[in-house]
Amino acid sequence: MKRRYTSAANRDLTAAIEYLMENASATAAAKLLRQIDKALDLLSMGLIHGPEVNVEGRVCWAVSVPPYKVYYVIDHNTLVVLRIYHQARAPIEVPAE
């Protein structure tokens, strides 16, 4: 399955990596990238599936990659990453109805 990141997800990921590079280490940044990539691999293969939530007015799914949540949808044969959001921030999700 192909992957696509929205511009918001790209900004989220860039901000997370920059934060870790400045405040932790390159090793921590690389570890986060590996963890997110692994979660996306598992999602792409259908081995995991997060709960349905509503984010910014859109129904999607979420998977936890501590301390982040990855919000995504499946569009045809593409895993679309909508957001990569730190869980300590103000919540952006509400339960899907």
N, C-alpha and C. Protein backbone atom coordinates (compact mmCIF):
# COMPACT_ATOMS: atom_id res chain seq x y z
N MET A 1 0.84 -1.17 0.00
CA MET A 1 0.00 0.00 0.00
C MET A 1 0.89 1.24 0.00
N LYS A 2 0.52 2.21 -0.81
CA LYS A 2 1.27 3.46 -0.86
C LYS A 2 0.97 4.28 0.38
N ARG A 3 1.84 5.25 0.65
CA ARG A 3 1.65 6.18 1.76
C ARG A 3 1.70 7.60 1.24
N ARG A 4 0.88 8.43 1.87
CA ARG A 4 0.92 9.86 1.55
C ARG A 4 0.72 10.62 2.85
N TYR A 5 1.50 11.67 3.03
CA TYR A 5 1.39 12.53 4.20
C TYR A 5 0.73 13.84 3.78
N THR A 6 -0.25 14.29 4.55
CA THR A 6 -0.81 15.61 4.28
C THR A 6 0.22 16.66 4.68
N SER A 7 -0.01 17.89 4.25
CA SER A 7 0.92 18.95 4.63
C SER A 7 0.94 19.13 6.14
N ALA A 8 -0.21 18.96 6.80
CA ALA A 8 -0.25 19.07 8.27
C ALA A 8 0.59 17.97 8.92
N ALA A 9 0.51 16.74 8.40
CA ALA A 9 1.31 15.64 8.94
C ALA A 9 2.80 15.89 8.72
N ASN A 10 3.15 16.41 7.55
CA ASN A 10 4.56 16.75 7.29
C ASN A 10 5.06 17.80 8.27
N ARG A 11 4.24 18.83 8.52
CA ARG A 11 4.63 19.86 9.50
C ARG A 11 4.78 19.26 10.89
N ASP A 12 3.83 18.40 11.27
CA ASP A 12 3.89 17.76 12.59
C ASP A 12 5.17 16.96 12.75
N LEU A 13 5.49 16.15 11.75
CA LEU A 13 6.66 15.28 11.82
C LEU A 13 7.94 16.11 11.83
N THR A 14 8.00 17.12 11.00
CA THR A 14 9.18 18.00 10.97
C THR A 14 9.38 18.68 12.32
N ALA A 15 8.30 19.17 12.91
CA ALA A 15 8.40 19.83 14.22
C ALA A 15 8.87 18.85 15.30
N ALA A 16 8.36 17.63 15.26
CA ALA A 16 8.76 16.63 16.26
C ALA A 16 10.24 16.29 16.13
N ILE A 17 10.71 16.10 14.91
CA ILE A 17 12.12 15.76 14.69
C ILE A 17 13.01 16.93 15.09
N GLU A 18 12.63 18.14 14.70
CA GLU A 18 13.43 19.31 15.07
C GLU A 18 13.50 19.47 16.58
N TYR A 19 12.37 19.24 17.26
CA TYR A 19 12.36 19.34 18.72
C TYR A 19 13.32 18.33 19.34
N LEU A 20 13.24 17.09 18.88
CA LEU A 20 14.12 16.06 19.44
C LEU A 20 15.59 16.34 19.13
N MET A 21 15.88 16.84 17.95
CA MET A 21 17.27 17.16 17.60
C MET A 21 17.82 18.27 18.50
N GLU A 22 16.98 19.25 18.82
CA GLU A 22 17.42 20.38 19.63
C GLU A 22 17.43 20.07 21.13
N ASN A 23 16.49 19.25 21.59
CA ASN A 23 16.30 19.05 23.02
C ASN A 23 16.65 17.67 23.54
N ALA A 24 16.88 16.75 22.65
CA ALA A 24 17.25 15.39 23.08
C ALA A 24 18.50 14.98 22.30
N SER A 25 18.31 14.24 21.21
CA SER A 25 19.47 13.80 20.44
C SER A 25 19.03 13.32 19.06
N ALA A 26 20.00 13.19 18.20
CA ALA A 26 19.74 12.62 16.87
C ALA A 26 19.27 11.18 17.00
N THR A 27 19.75 10.49 18.01
CA THR A 27 19.34 9.10 18.25
C THR A 27 17.85 9.05 18.58
N ALA A 28 17.38 9.96 19.42
CA ALA A 28 15.96 10.00 19.78
C ALA A 28 15.10 10.32 18.56
N ALA A 29 15.56 11.24 17.73
CA ALA A 29 14.83 11.59 16.52
C ALA A 29 14.74 10.39 15.58
N ALA A 30 15.84 9.70 15.39
CA ALA A 30 15.87 8.52 14.53
C ALA A 30 14.97 7.42 15.07
N LYS A 31 14.96 7.26 16.39
CA LYS A 31 14.11 6.24 17.01
C LYS A 31 12.64 6.54 16.75
N LEU A 32 12.24 7.80 16.90
CA LEU A 32 10.85 8.17 16.63
C LEU A 32 10.49 7.87 15.18
N LEU A 33 11.36 8.24 14.25
CA LEU A 33 11.09 7.95 12.83
C LEU A 33 10.92 6.46 12.59
N ARG A 34 11.76 5.64 13.21
CA ARG A 34 11.66 4.17 13.06
C ARG A 34 10.33 3.66 13.62
N GLN A 35 9.94 4.18 14.79
CA GLN A 35 8.70 3.73 15.41
C GLN A 35 7.48 4.10 14.57
N ILE A 36 7.47 5.31 14.04
CA ILE A 36 6.36 5.73 13.20
C ILE A 36 6.34 4.91 11.92
N ASP A 37 7.50 4.70 11.32
CA ASP A 37 7.58 3.90 10.10
C ASP A 37 7.09 2.47 10.34
N LYS A 38 7.46 1.90 11.47
CA LYS A 38 7.02 0.54 11.80
C LYS A 38 5.50 0.49 11.95
N ALA A 39 4.93 1.47 12.64
CA ALA A 39 3.47 1.51 12.81
C ALA A 39 2.78 1.65 11.46
N LEU A 40 3.31 2.50 10.59
CA LEU A 40 2.72 2.67 9.26
C LEU A 40 2.86 1.40 8.42
N ASP A 41 3.97 0.67 8.57
CA ASP A 41 4.11 -0.62 7.89
C ASP A 41 3.02 -1.58 8.35
N LEU A 42 2.81 -1.67 9.66
CA LEU A 42 1.80 -2.57 10.21
C LEU A 42 0.40 -2.18 9.75
N LEU A 43 0.12 -0.87 9.71
CA LEU A 43 -1.17 -0.40 9.20
C LEU A 43 -1.33 -0.77 7.73
N SER A 44 -0.29 -0.55 6.94
CA SER A 44 -0.34 -0.84 5.51
C SER A 44 -0.60 -2.31 5.23
N MET A 45 -0.08 -3.17 6.10
CA MET A 45 -0.26 -4.61 5.92
C MET A 45 -1.57 -5.10 6.53
N GLY A 46 -2.29 -4.21 7.20
CA GLY A 46 -3.55 -4.60 7.83
C GLY A 46 -3.38 -5.38 9.11
N LEU A 47 -2.19 -5.33 9.71
CA LEU A 47 -1.93 -6.10 10.93
C LEU A 47 -2.40 -5.38 12.19
N ILE A 48 -2.56 -4.08 12.12
CA ILE A 48 -3.14 -3.31 13.22
C ILE A 48 -4.14 -2.34 12.63
N HIS A 49 -5.03 -1.86 13.48
CA HIS A 49 -6.01 -0.88 13.06
C HIS A 49 -6.44 -0.11 14.31
N GLY A 50 -6.36 1.19 14.25
CA GLY A 50 -6.72 1.99 15.41
C GLY A 50 -8.21 2.25 15.49
N PRO A 51 -8.64 2.84 16.60
CA PRO A 51 -10.05 3.16 16.77
C PRO A 51 -10.47 4.33 15.88
N GLU A 52 -11.73 4.36 15.54
CA GLU A 52 -12.27 5.44 14.74
C GLU A 52 -12.47 6.67 15.63
N VAL A 53 -12.02 7.81 15.15
CA VAL A 53 -12.16 9.08 15.87
C VAL A 53 -12.52 10.17 14.87
N ASN A 54 -12.87 11.33 15.39
CA ASN A 54 -13.15 12.48 14.57
C ASN A 54 -12.07 13.52 14.86
N VAL A 55 -11.33 13.92 13.84
CA VAL A 55 -10.25 14.90 13.99
C VAL A 55 -10.51 16.04 13.02
N GLU A 56 -10.63 17.21 13.59
CA GLU A 56 -10.80 18.41 12.78
C GLU A 56 -11.96 18.25 11.80
N GLY A 57 -13.05 17.64 12.28
CA GLY A 57 -14.24 17.47 11.48
C GLY A 57 -14.21 16.32 10.49
N ARG A 58 -13.22 15.47 10.59
CA ARG A 58 -13.08 14.35 9.64
C ARG A 58 -13.00 13.03 10.41
N VAL A 59 -13.77 12.05 9.98
CA VAL A 59 -13.70 10.72 10.58
C VAL A 59 -12.44 10.04 10.05
N CYS A 60 -11.65 9.52 10.99
CA CYS A 60 -10.41 8.83 10.63
C CYS A 60 -10.12 7.80 11.70
N TRP A 61 -8.93 7.27 11.71
CA TRP A 61 -8.49 6.31 12.72
C TRP A 61 -7.22 6.82 13.35
N ALA A 62 -6.93 6.32 14.54
CA ALA A 62 -5.74 6.76 15.27
C ALA A 62 -4.98 5.55 15.78
N VAL A 63 -3.67 5.64 15.74
CA VAL A 63 -2.81 4.62 16.32
C VAL A 63 -1.77 5.34 17.17
N SER A 64 -1.51 4.80 18.33
CA SER A 64 -0.57 5.42 19.26
C SER A 64 0.86 4.97 18.97
N VAL A 65 1.74 5.96 18.88
CA VAL A 65 3.19 5.74 18.77
C VAL A 65 3.78 6.68 19.82
N PRO A 66 3.73 6.24 21.10
CA PRO A 66 4.07 7.15 22.21
C PRO A 66 5.37 7.90 22.00
N PRO A 67 5.34 9.19 22.30
CA PRO A 67 4.25 9.98 22.87
C PRO A 67 3.36 10.64 21.83
N TYR A 68 3.29 10.09 20.63
CA TYR A 68 2.48 10.67 19.55
C TYR A 68 1.31 9.77 19.20
N LYS A 69 0.33 10.37 18.53
CA LYS A 69 -0.73 9.61 17.88
C LYS A 69 -0.66 9.93 16.40
N VAL A 70 -0.82 8.89 15.61
CA VAL A 70 -0.83 9.05 14.16
C VAL A 70 -2.29 8.89 13.72
N TYR A 71 -2.81 9.92 13.07
CA TYR A 71 -4.17 9.92 12.56
C TYR A 71 -4.12 9.64 11.06
N TYR A 72 -4.98 8.74 10.59
CA TYR A 72 -4.88 8.31 9.20
C TYR A 72 -6.23 7.89 8.64
N VAL A 73 -6.29 7.81 7.32
CA VAL A 73 -7.40 7.22 6.59
C VAL A 73 -6.81 6.33 5.51
N ILE A 74 -7.62 5.43 5.01
CA ILE A 74 -7.24 4.61 3.86
C ILE A 74 -8.08 5.12 2.69
N ASP A 75 -7.41 5.56 1.65
CA ASP A 75 -8.09 6.08 0.46
C ASP A 75 -7.65 5.24 -0.73
N HIS A 76 -8.55 4.37 -1.18
CA HIS A 76 -8.25 3.39 -2.21
C HIS A 76 -7.09 2.53 -1.73
N ASN A 77 -5.96 2.55 -2.37
CA ASN A 77 -4.82 1.73 -1.96
C ASN A 77 -3.71 2.61 -1.36
N THR A 78 -4.13 3.69 -0.68
CA THR A 78 -3.16 4.63 -0.11
C THR A 78 -3.47 4.88 1.35
N LEU A 79 -2.46 4.74 2.19
CA LEU A 79 -2.55 5.11 3.59
C LEU A 79 -2.22 6.60 3.67
N VAL A 80 -3.21 7.40 4.03
CA VAL A 80 -3.03 8.84 4.09
C VAL A 80 -2.85 9.24 5.56
N VAL A 81 -1.68 9.75 5.89
CA VAL A 81 -1.38 10.21 7.25
C VAL A 81 -1.86 11.65 7.35
N LEU A 82 -2.85 11.87 8.23
CA LEU A 82 -3.45 13.19 8.37
C LEU A 82 -2.69 14.07 9.35
N ARG A 83 -2.35 13.50 10.49
CA ARG A 83 -1.64 14.25 11.54
C ARG A 83 -0.74 13.30 12.31
N ILE A 84 0.31 13.84 12.90
CA ILE A 84 1.18 13.12 13.84
C ILE A 84 1.27 14.07 15.03
N TYR A 85 0.50 13.77 16.06
CA TYR A 85 0.21 14.75 17.10
C TYR A 85 0.68 14.27 18.47
N HIS A 86 1.40 15.12 19.18
CA HIS A 86 1.90 14.77 20.52
C HIS A 86 0.73 14.65 21.48
N GLN A 87 0.67 13.55 22.22
CA GLN A 87 -0.46 13.26 23.09
C GLN A 87 -0.55 14.17 24.31
N ALA A 88 0.52 14.90 24.64
CA ALA A 88 0.48 15.81 25.79
C ALA A 88 -0.17 17.15 25.43
N ARG A 89 -0.34 17.41 24.16
CA ARG A 89 -0.96 18.65 23.72
C ARG A 89 -2.47 18.57 23.90
N ALA A 90 -3.13 19.71 23.76
CA ALA A 90 -4.60 19.72 23.84
C ALA A 90 -5.17 18.77 22.80
N PRO A 91 -6.13 17.94 23.19
CA PRO A 91 -6.67 16.94 22.27
C PRO A 91 -7.27 17.56 21.01
N ILE A 92 -7.08 16.88 19.89
CA ILE A 92 -7.68 17.32 18.63
C ILE A 92 -8.74 16.32 18.17
N GLU A 93 -8.94 15.26 18.93
CA GLU A 93 -9.88 14.24 18.51
C GLU A 93 -11.11 14.20 19.42
N VAL A 94 -12.20 13.77 18.84
CA VAL A 94 -13.42 13.45 19.59
C VAL A 94 -13.86 12.09 19.11
N PRO A 95 -14.57 11.34 19.97
CA PRO A 95 -15.02 10.02 19.51
C PRO A 95 -15.90 10.15 18.27
N ALA A 96 -15.73 9.24 17.34
CA ALA A 96 -16.54 9.24 16.12
C ALA A 96 -17.96 8.83 16.50
N GLU A 97 -18.91 9.42 15.83
CA GLU A 97 -20.33 9.09 16.12
C GLU A 97 -20.88 8.12 15.11
